[in-house]
């Protein structure tokens, strides 16, 4: 399966999950390495945009990374494990799900629902999993962010 990640160009080669380890995210607490990817480039872009803290971030250089994850490495989190109000609840519940799958069940990658678009998914990769070496970089390409994004932040 092909998945997509967008990042500042200077960090696009960092596949160690450093940013997520330092700052945490919806599905991982600080201290846990994770690589966030999406099933579509457009979803990856939307995820980036909703996390902007300043207009200045829109003026920086960004790149897309396309990764190929062998299907057998991906574990879809069962809907029954995800609370109905997961988009708004305390992240500790979601962090526990990720840690259980990364460490107890040894999952190289998990498939989780997008909080932005119903029916679309993000793929959280454990870069510390031994099977990570099976994940292949397909393409790295620079991208630009349309200046209309900045206008929409007014």
N, C-alpha and C. Protein backbone atom coordinates (compact mmCIF):
# COMPACT_ATOMS: atom_id res chain seq x y z
N UNK A 1 0.84 -1.17 0.00
CA UNK A 1 0.00 0.00 0.00
C UNK A 1 0.89 1.24 0.00
N UNK A 2 0.51 2.22 -0.81
CA UNK A 2 1.22 3.49 -0.81
C UNK A 2 0.58 4.43 0.21
N UNK A 3 1.42 5.10 0.99
CA UNK A 3 0.97 6.10 1.94
C UNK A 3 1.81 7.35 1.76
N UNK A 4 1.29 8.46 2.29
CA UNK A 4 1.92 9.76 2.02
C UNK A 4 2.15 10.52 3.31
N UNK A 5 3.28 11.21 3.32
CA UNK A 5 3.64 12.05 4.45
C UNK A 5 4.08 13.38 3.89
N UNK A 6 3.68 14.46 4.56
CA UNK A 6 4.18 15.78 4.18
C UNK A 6 4.94 16.33 5.37
N UNK A 7 6.04 16.97 5.07
CA UNK A 7 6.91 17.49 6.12
C UNK A 7 7.70 18.66 5.57
N UNK A 8 8.23 19.44 6.49
CA UNK A 8 9.20 20.45 6.05
C UNK A 8 10.30 19.72 5.30
N UNK A 9 10.73 20.28 4.21
CA UNK A 9 11.71 19.64 3.35
C UNK A 9 12.96 19.23 4.13
N UNK A 10 13.39 20.05 5.05
CA UNK A 10 14.61 19.73 5.79
C UNK A 10 14.47 18.48 6.66
N UNK A 11 13.23 18.05 6.95
CA UNK A 11 13.01 16.87 7.79
C UNK A 11 12.44 15.67 7.03
N UNK A 12 12.25 15.79 5.74
CA UNK A 12 11.55 14.75 4.99
C UNK A 12 12.29 13.41 5.01
N UNK A 13 13.61 13.43 5.17
CA UNK A 13 14.38 12.19 5.20
C UNK A 13 14.41 11.55 6.59
N UNK A 14 13.90 12.25 7.59
CA UNK A 14 13.88 11.71 8.95
C UNK A 14 12.72 10.74 9.08
N UNK A 15 13.03 9.47 9.06
CA UNK A 15 12.02 8.43 9.18
C UNK A 15 12.05 7.79 10.57
N UNK A 16 12.64 8.48 11.52
CA UNK A 16 12.76 7.97 12.88
C UNK A 16 11.59 8.36 13.78
N UNK A 17 10.66 9.16 13.27
CA UNK A 17 9.54 9.59 14.10
C UNK A 17 9.94 10.60 15.15
N UNK A 18 10.96 11.38 14.86
CA UNK A 18 11.51 12.32 15.83
C UNK A 18 10.50 13.37 16.28
N UNK A 19 9.81 14.00 15.34
CA UNK A 19 8.85 15.05 15.70
C UNK A 19 7.75 14.51 16.60
N UNK A 20 7.20 13.37 16.24
CA UNK A 20 6.14 12.76 17.07
C UNK A 20 6.69 12.35 18.43
N UNK A 21 7.92 11.86 18.47
CA UNK A 21 8.53 11.47 19.75
C UNK A 21 8.73 12.68 20.66
N UNK A 22 9.12 13.80 20.07
CA UNK A 22 9.37 15.00 20.86
C UNK A 22 8.08 15.68 21.32
N UNK A 23 7.08 15.72 20.44
CA UNK A 23 5.90 16.53 20.73
C UNK A 23 4.61 15.72 20.95
N UNK A 24 4.63 14.46 20.60
CA UNK A 24 3.41 13.65 20.71
C UNK A 24 2.42 14.01 19.62
N UNK A 25 1.32 13.31 19.60
CA UNK A 25 0.27 13.55 18.62
C UNK A 25 -1.02 12.90 19.08
N UNK A 26 -2.00 12.91 18.23
CA UNK A 26 -3.29 12.32 18.60
C UNK A 26 -3.13 10.85 19.00
N UNK A 27 -2.26 10.12 18.31
CA UNK A 27 -2.14 8.67 18.52
C UNK A 27 -0.87 8.25 19.24
N UNK A 28 0.00 9.17 19.60
CA UNK A 28 1.21 8.80 20.36
C UNK A 28 1.54 9.88 21.37
N UNK A 29 1.95 9.44 22.55
CA UNK A 29 2.35 10.40 23.57
C UNK A 29 3.80 10.80 23.34
N UNK A 30 4.21 11.96 23.87
CA UNK A 30 5.62 12.33 23.77
C UNK A 30 6.48 11.20 24.34
N UNK A 31 7.59 10.95 23.65
CA UNK A 31 8.48 9.87 24.05
C UNK A 31 8.31 8.61 23.22
N UNK A 32 7.20 8.52 22.46
CA UNK A 32 6.94 7.36 21.61
C UNK A 32 7.16 7.77 20.16
N UNK A 33 8.12 7.13 19.51
CA UNK A 33 8.39 7.42 18.10
C UNK A 33 7.26 6.91 17.22
N UNK A 34 6.84 7.73 16.28
CA UNK A 34 5.79 7.35 15.35
C UNK A 34 5.94 8.18 14.09
N UNK A 35 5.61 7.57 12.98
CA UNK A 35 5.65 8.25 11.69
C UNK A 35 4.22 8.32 11.18
N UNK A 36 3.68 9.52 11.09
CA UNK A 36 2.30 9.72 10.65
C UNK A 36 2.23 9.82 9.14
N UNK A 37 1.39 9.01 8.54
CA UNK A 37 1.17 9.04 7.09
C UNK A 37 -0.32 8.96 6.82
N UNK A 38 -0.71 9.25 5.60
CA UNK A 38 -2.12 9.24 5.21
C UNK A 38 -2.31 8.43 3.94
N UNK A 39 -3.56 8.02 3.70
CA UNK A 39 -3.84 7.21 2.52
C UNK A 39 -3.86 8.05 1.25
N UNK A 40 -3.98 9.36 1.37
CA UNK A 40 -3.99 10.25 0.20
C UNK A 40 -3.09 11.46 0.48
N UNK A 41 -2.51 12.01 -0.57
CA UNK A 41 -1.73 13.24 -0.42
C UNK A 41 -2.59 14.36 0.14
N UNK A 42 -3.83 14.45 -0.36
CA UNK A 42 -4.71 15.54 0.07
C UNK A 42 -5.01 15.45 1.56
N UNK A 43 -5.17 14.25 2.09
CA UNK A 43 -5.41 14.11 3.52
C UNK A 43 -4.16 14.48 4.31
N UNK A 44 -3.01 14.09 3.83
CA UNK A 44 -1.76 14.49 4.49
C UNK A 44 -1.64 16.02 4.54
N UNK A 45 -1.99 16.68 3.43
CA UNK A 45 -1.95 18.14 3.37
C UNK A 45 -2.94 18.76 4.36
N UNK A 46 -4.16 18.23 4.40
CA UNK A 46 -5.15 18.75 5.36
C UNK A 46 -4.67 18.59 6.79
N UNK A 47 -4.08 17.44 7.10
CA UNK A 47 -3.56 17.22 8.45
C UNK A 47 -2.50 18.27 8.80
N UNK A 48 -1.66 18.58 7.84
CA UNK A 48 -0.63 19.59 8.06
C UNK A 48 -1.27 20.96 8.31
N UNK A 49 -2.21 21.33 7.48
CA UNK A 49 -2.83 22.65 7.56
C UNK A 49 -3.54 22.86 8.89
N UNK A 50 -4.27 21.86 9.37
CA UNK A 50 -5.00 22.06 10.63
C UNK A 50 -4.07 22.14 11.83
N UNK A 51 -2.82 21.74 11.65
CA UNK A 51 -1.88 21.81 12.76
C UNK A 51 -0.96 23.03 12.70
N UNK A 52 -1.13 23.90 11.70
CA UNK A 52 -0.32 25.11 11.63
C UNK A 52 -0.57 25.98 12.85
N UNK A 53 0.50 26.54 13.38
CA UNK A 53 0.38 27.46 14.51
C UNK A 53 0.57 28.92 14.08
N UNK A 54 1.07 29.13 12.89
CA UNK A 54 1.34 30.50 12.47
C UNK A 54 1.34 30.59 10.95
N UNK A 55 0.99 31.77 10.47
CA UNK A 55 1.01 32.01 9.02
C UNK A 55 2.41 31.82 8.44
N UNK A 56 3.40 32.11 9.23
CA UNK A 56 4.77 31.98 8.75
C UNK A 56 5.09 30.56 8.31
N UNK A 57 4.43 29.58 8.94
CA UNK A 57 4.67 28.18 8.58
C UNK A 57 4.29 27.90 7.13
N UNK A 58 3.33 28.65 6.61
CA UNK A 58 2.90 28.45 5.23
C UNK A 58 3.97 28.86 4.22
N UNK A 59 4.91 29.67 4.64
CA UNK A 59 5.94 30.18 3.72
C UNK A 59 7.18 29.29 3.67
N UNK A 60 7.19 28.23 4.45
CA UNK A 60 8.35 27.35 4.49
C UNK A 60 8.28 26.32 3.36
N UNK A 61 9.38 25.63 3.14
CA UNK A 61 9.45 24.60 2.10
C UNK A 61 8.97 23.26 2.62
N UNK A 62 8.09 22.62 1.83
CA UNK A 62 7.53 21.32 2.20
C UNK A 62 7.76 20.31 1.09
N UNK A 63 7.79 19.04 1.49
CA UNK A 63 7.92 17.95 0.53
C UNK A 63 6.97 16.82 0.90
N UNK A 64 6.60 16.04 -0.11
CA UNK A 64 5.83 14.82 0.10
C UNK A 64 6.78 13.64 0.05
N UNK A 65 6.51 12.69 0.90
CA UNK A 65 7.21 11.42 0.91
C UNK A 65 6.17 10.34 0.61
N UNK A 66 6.44 9.53 -0.38
CA UNK A 66 5.57 8.38 -0.67
C UNK A 66 6.30 7.13 -0.19
N UNK A 67 5.62 6.38 0.66
CA UNK A 67 6.17 5.13 1.19
C UNK A 67 5.30 3.97 0.72
N UNK A 68 5.92 2.83 0.54
CA UNK A 68 5.18 1.61 0.25
C UNK A 68 5.30 0.69 1.46
N UNK A 69 4.14 0.40 2.05
CA UNK A 69 4.09 -0.51 3.20
C UNK A 69 3.49 -1.82 2.72
N UNK A 70 4.21 -2.93 2.87
CA UNK A 70 3.60 -4.21 2.53
C UNK A 70 2.32 -4.40 3.35
N UNK A 71 1.26 -4.85 2.69
CA UNK A 71 -0.04 -4.97 3.34
C UNK A 71 0.00 -5.79 4.62
N UNK A 72 0.83 -6.83 4.65
CA UNK A 72 0.86 -7.70 5.83
C UNK A 72 1.43 -7.01 7.07
N UNK A 73 2.02 -5.83 6.91
CA UNK A 73 2.57 -5.09 8.05
C UNK A 73 1.55 -4.17 8.71
N UNK A 74 0.40 -3.98 8.06
CA UNK A 74 -0.60 -3.02 8.55
C UNK A 74 -1.69 -3.74 9.34
N UNK A 75 -1.94 -3.21 10.52
CA UNK A 75 -3.02 -3.72 11.35
C UNK A 75 -4.07 -2.62 11.48
N UNK A 76 -5.28 -2.93 11.05
CA UNK A 76 -6.37 -1.95 11.20
C UNK A 76 -6.91 -2.05 12.62
N UNK A 77 -6.96 -0.91 13.29
CA UNK A 77 -7.49 -0.89 14.64
C UNK A 77 -8.99 -1.16 14.57
N UNK A 78 -9.48 -2.17 15.28
CA UNK A 78 -10.91 -2.47 15.23
C UNK A 78 -11.74 -1.28 15.74
N UNK A 79 -12.82 -1.00 15.02
CA UNK A 79 -13.70 0.11 15.42
C UNK A 79 -14.20 -0.06 16.84
N UNK A 80 -14.36 -1.29 17.27
CA UNK A 80 -14.87 -1.55 18.62
C UNK A 80 -13.92 -1.04 19.71
N UNK A 81 -12.65 -0.86 19.39
CA UNK A 81 -11.68 -0.35 20.36
C UNK A 81 -11.65 1.17 20.42
N UNK A 82 -12.21 1.82 19.41
CA UNK A 82 -12.13 3.27 19.32
C UNK A 82 -13.42 3.87 19.91
N UNK A 83 -13.29 4.67 20.97
CA UNK A 83 -14.48 5.27 21.59
C UNK A 83 -15.24 6.15 20.60
N UNK A 84 -16.54 6.26 20.78
CA UNK A 84 -17.38 7.01 19.84
C UNK A 84 -17.00 8.48 19.78
N UNK A 85 -16.48 9.04 20.84
CA UNK A 85 -16.10 10.46 20.87
C UNK A 85 -14.59 10.65 20.76
N UNK A 86 -13.94 9.75 20.05
CA UNK A 86 -12.48 9.72 20.01
C UNK A 86 -11.84 11.00 19.48
N UNK A 87 -12.57 11.75 18.63
CA UNK A 87 -11.99 12.97 18.05
C UNK A 87 -11.80 14.06 19.10
N UNK A 88 -12.57 14.00 20.19
CA UNK A 88 -12.52 15.08 21.18
C UNK A 88 -12.02 14.63 22.54
N UNK A 89 -11.82 13.34 22.74
CA UNK A 89 -11.46 12.90 24.07
C UNK A 89 -9.98 13.06 24.37
N UNK A 90 -9.66 12.81 25.62
CA UNK A 90 -8.28 12.87 26.08
C UNK A 90 -7.43 11.89 25.27
N UNK A 91 -6.31 12.35 24.79
CA UNK A 91 -5.46 11.51 23.95
C UNK A 91 -4.93 10.27 24.65
N UNK A 92 -4.92 10.25 25.98
CA UNK A 92 -4.35 9.11 26.70
C UNK A 92 -5.00 7.80 26.29
N UNK A 93 -6.29 7.81 25.97
CA UNK A 93 -6.98 6.59 25.54
C UNK A 93 -6.45 6.12 24.18
N UNK A 94 -6.25 7.06 23.27
CA UNK A 94 -5.72 6.69 21.95
C UNK A 94 -4.25 6.30 22.05
N UNK A 95 -3.51 6.98 22.91
CA UNK A 95 -2.10 6.63 23.10
C UNK A 95 -1.97 5.18 23.57
N UNK A 96 -2.86 4.76 24.44
CA UNK A 96 -2.81 3.39 24.96
C UNK A 96 -3.06 2.39 23.83
N UNK A 97 -4.00 2.69 22.94
CA UNK A 97 -4.26 1.80 21.80
C UNK A 97 -2.99 1.64 20.97
N UNK A 98 -2.35 2.76 20.64
CA UNK A 98 -1.13 2.70 19.83
C UNK A 98 -0.04 1.91 20.53
N UNK A 99 0.18 2.21 21.80
CA UNK A 99 1.23 1.50 22.53
C UNK A 99 0.95 0.01 22.61
N UNK A 100 -0.31 -0.38 22.82
CA UNK A 100 -0.65 -1.80 22.86
C UNK A 100 -0.30 -2.47 21.53
N UNK A 101 -0.64 -1.82 20.42
CA UNK A 101 -0.36 -2.42 19.12
C UNK A 101 1.11 -2.34 18.74
N UNK A 102 1.78 -1.25 19.07
CA UNK A 102 3.21 -1.14 18.75
C UNK A 102 4.05 -2.10 19.58
N UNK A 103 3.76 -2.18 20.88
CA UNK A 103 4.67 -2.91 21.78
C UNK A 103 4.17 -4.28 22.19
N UNK A 104 2.90 -4.41 22.52
CA UNK A 104 2.39 -5.71 22.97
C UNK A 104 2.07 -6.63 21.78
N UNK A 105 1.52 -6.05 20.72
CA UNK A 105 1.13 -6.86 19.56
C UNK A 105 2.14 -6.77 18.42
N UNK A 106 3.20 -5.97 18.63
CA UNK A 106 4.32 -5.87 17.69
C UNK A 106 3.90 -5.48 16.26
N UNK A 107 2.94 -4.57 16.15
CA UNK A 107 2.48 -4.11 14.84
C UNK A 107 3.44 -3.08 14.26
N UNK A 108 3.91 -3.28 13.05
CA UNK A 108 4.79 -2.30 12.40
C UNK A 108 4.05 -1.01 12.01
N UNK A 109 2.76 -1.16 11.67
CA UNK A 109 1.96 0.00 11.25
C UNK A 109 0.51 -0.25 11.63
N UNK A 110 -0.18 0.82 12.04
CA UNK A 110 -1.59 0.70 12.36
C UNK A 110 -2.40 1.65 11.47
N UNK A 111 -3.59 1.21 11.15
CA UNK A 111 -4.52 2.00 10.35
C UNK A 111 -5.56 2.56 11.31
N UNK A 112 -5.70 3.89 11.31
CA UNK A 112 -6.63 4.57 12.21
C UNK A 112 -7.49 5.53 11.40
N UNK A 113 -8.70 5.83 11.89
CA UNK A 113 -9.57 6.74 11.14
C UNK A 113 -9.03 8.17 11.15
N UNK A 114 -9.35 8.90 10.10
CA UNK A 114 -9.02 10.32 10.04
C UNK A 114 -10.05 11.09 10.87
N UNK A 115 -9.57 12.05 11.64
CA UNK A 115 -10.48 12.93 12.39
C UNK A 115 -11.05 14.01 11.47
N UNK A 116 -10.47 14.17 10.29
CA UNK A 116 -10.87 15.25 9.39
C UNK A 116 -11.89 14.82 8.35
N UNK A 117 -11.77 13.59 7.85
CA UNK A 117 -12.65 13.13 6.77
C UNK A 117 -13.14 11.73 7.10
N UNK A 118 -14.45 11.62 7.31
CA UNK A 118 -15.04 10.30 7.58
C UNK A 118 -14.74 9.36 6.42
N UNK A 119 -14.38 8.14 6.76
CA UNK A 119 -14.14 7.13 5.74
C UNK A 119 -12.74 7.13 5.17
N UNK A 120 -11.89 8.05 5.62
CA UNK A 120 -10.48 8.04 5.19
C UNK A 120 -9.61 7.69 6.38
N UNK A 121 -8.37 7.29 6.09
CA UNK A 121 -7.52 6.73 7.13
C UNK A 121 -6.11 7.30 7.12
N UNK A 122 -5.54 7.29 8.31
CA UNK A 122 -4.13 7.59 8.49
C UNK A 122 -3.44 6.30 8.91
N UNK A 123 -2.16 6.22 8.61
CA UNK A 123 -1.36 5.05 8.94
C UNK A 123 -0.20 5.52 9.81
N UNK A 124 -0.18 4.98 11.02
CA UNK A 124 0.87 5.35 11.96
C UNK A 124 1.89 4.21 11.95
N UNK A 125 3.12 4.56 11.64
CA UNK A 125 4.19 3.57 11.48
C UNK A 125 5.10 3.62 12.71
N UNK A 126 5.47 2.43 13.19
CA UNK A 126 6.42 2.32 14.28
C UNK A 126 7.82 2.16 13.68
N UNK A 127 8.62 3.23 13.67
CA UNK A 127 9.95 3.13 13.05
C UNK A 127 10.93 2.25 13.83
N UNK A 128 10.56 1.87 15.06
CA UNK A 128 11.44 1.04 15.87
C UNK A 128 11.15 -0.45 15.69
N UNK A 129 10.11 -0.78 14.96
CA UNK A 129 9.75 -2.17 14.73
C UNK A 129 10.76 -2.80 13.76
N UNK A 130 11.15 -4.03 14.02
CA UNK A 130 12.13 -4.72 13.16
C UNK A 130 11.68 -4.80 11.70
N UNK A 131 10.38 -4.87 11.46
CA UNK A 131 9.87 -4.98 10.09
C UNK A 131 9.89 -3.64 9.35
N UNK A 132 10.26 -2.57 10.04
CA UNK A 132 10.32 -1.25 9.40
C UNK A 132 11.21 -1.28 8.16
N UNK A 133 12.21 -2.13 8.15
CA UNK A 133 13.12 -2.22 7.00
C UNK A 133 12.42 -2.70 5.74
N UNK A 134 11.22 -3.27 5.87
CA UNK A 134 10.45 -3.71 4.71
C UNK A 134 9.67 -2.55 4.06
N UNK A 135 9.60 -1.44 4.76
CA UNK A 135 8.89 -0.28 4.23
C UNK A 135 9.84 0.48 3.31
N UNK A 136 9.38 0.76 2.12
CA UNK A 136 10.26 1.31 1.07
C UNK A 136 9.88 2.73 0.70
N UNK A 137 10.88 3.59 0.59
CA UNK A 137 10.66 4.93 0.07
C UNK A 137 10.50 4.83 -1.44
N UNK A 138 9.38 5.37 -1.94
CA UNK A 138 9.09 5.32 -3.37
C UNK A 138 9.47 6.63 -4.04
N UNK A 139 9.13 7.74 -3.38
CA UNK A 139 9.33 9.04 -4.02
C UNK A 139 9.39 10.13 -2.97
N UNK A 140 10.23 11.10 -3.21
CA UNK A 140 10.24 12.34 -2.43
C UNK A 140 10.13 13.47 -3.45
N UNK A 141 9.15 14.32 -3.23
CA UNK A 141 8.95 15.43 -4.18
C UNK A 141 8.60 16.70 -3.42
N UNK A 142 9.15 17.81 -3.87
CA UNK A 142 8.82 19.07 -3.24
C UNK A 142 7.41 19.47 -3.63
N UNK A 143 6.80 20.27 -2.77
CA UNK A 143 5.45 20.74 -3.05
C UNK A 143 5.37 22.19 -2.60
N UNK A 144 4.36 22.84 -3.05
CA UNK A 144 4.14 24.22 -2.62
C UNK A 144 2.77 24.29 -1.97
N UNK A 145 2.63 25.22 -1.07
CA UNK A 145 1.34 25.44 -0.43
C UNK A 145 0.73 26.68 -1.07
N UNK A 146 -0.44 26.53 -1.60
CA UNK A 146 -1.13 27.62 -2.27
C UNK A 146 -1.32 28.79 -1.30
N UNK A 147 -1.07 30.01 -1.77
CA UNK A 147 -1.18 31.17 -0.88
C UNK A 147 -2.61 31.42 -0.40
N UNK A 148 -3.59 30.78 -1.00
CA UNK A 148 -4.97 30.94 -0.52
C UNK A 148 -5.14 30.31 0.87
N UNK A 149 -4.28 29.38 1.23
CA UNK A 149 -4.35 28.83 2.58
C UNK A 149 -4.11 29.93 3.61
N UNK A 150 -3.15 30.82 3.29
CA UNK A 150 -2.86 31.92 4.21
C UNK A 150 -4.05 32.84 4.33
N UNK A 151 -4.71 33.14 3.21
CA UNK A 151 -5.89 34.01 3.23
C UNK A 151 -7.01 33.41 4.07
N UNK A 152 -7.12 32.09 4.08
CA UNK A 152 -8.20 31.45 4.83
C UNK A 152 -7.95 31.48 6.33
N UNK A 153 -6.75 31.88 6.75
CA UNK A 153 -6.44 31.93 8.17
C UNK A 153 -6.86 33.24 8.81
N UNK A 154 -7.48 34.13 8.06
CA UNK A 154 -7.92 35.42 8.61
C UNK A 154 -9.09 35.24 9.53
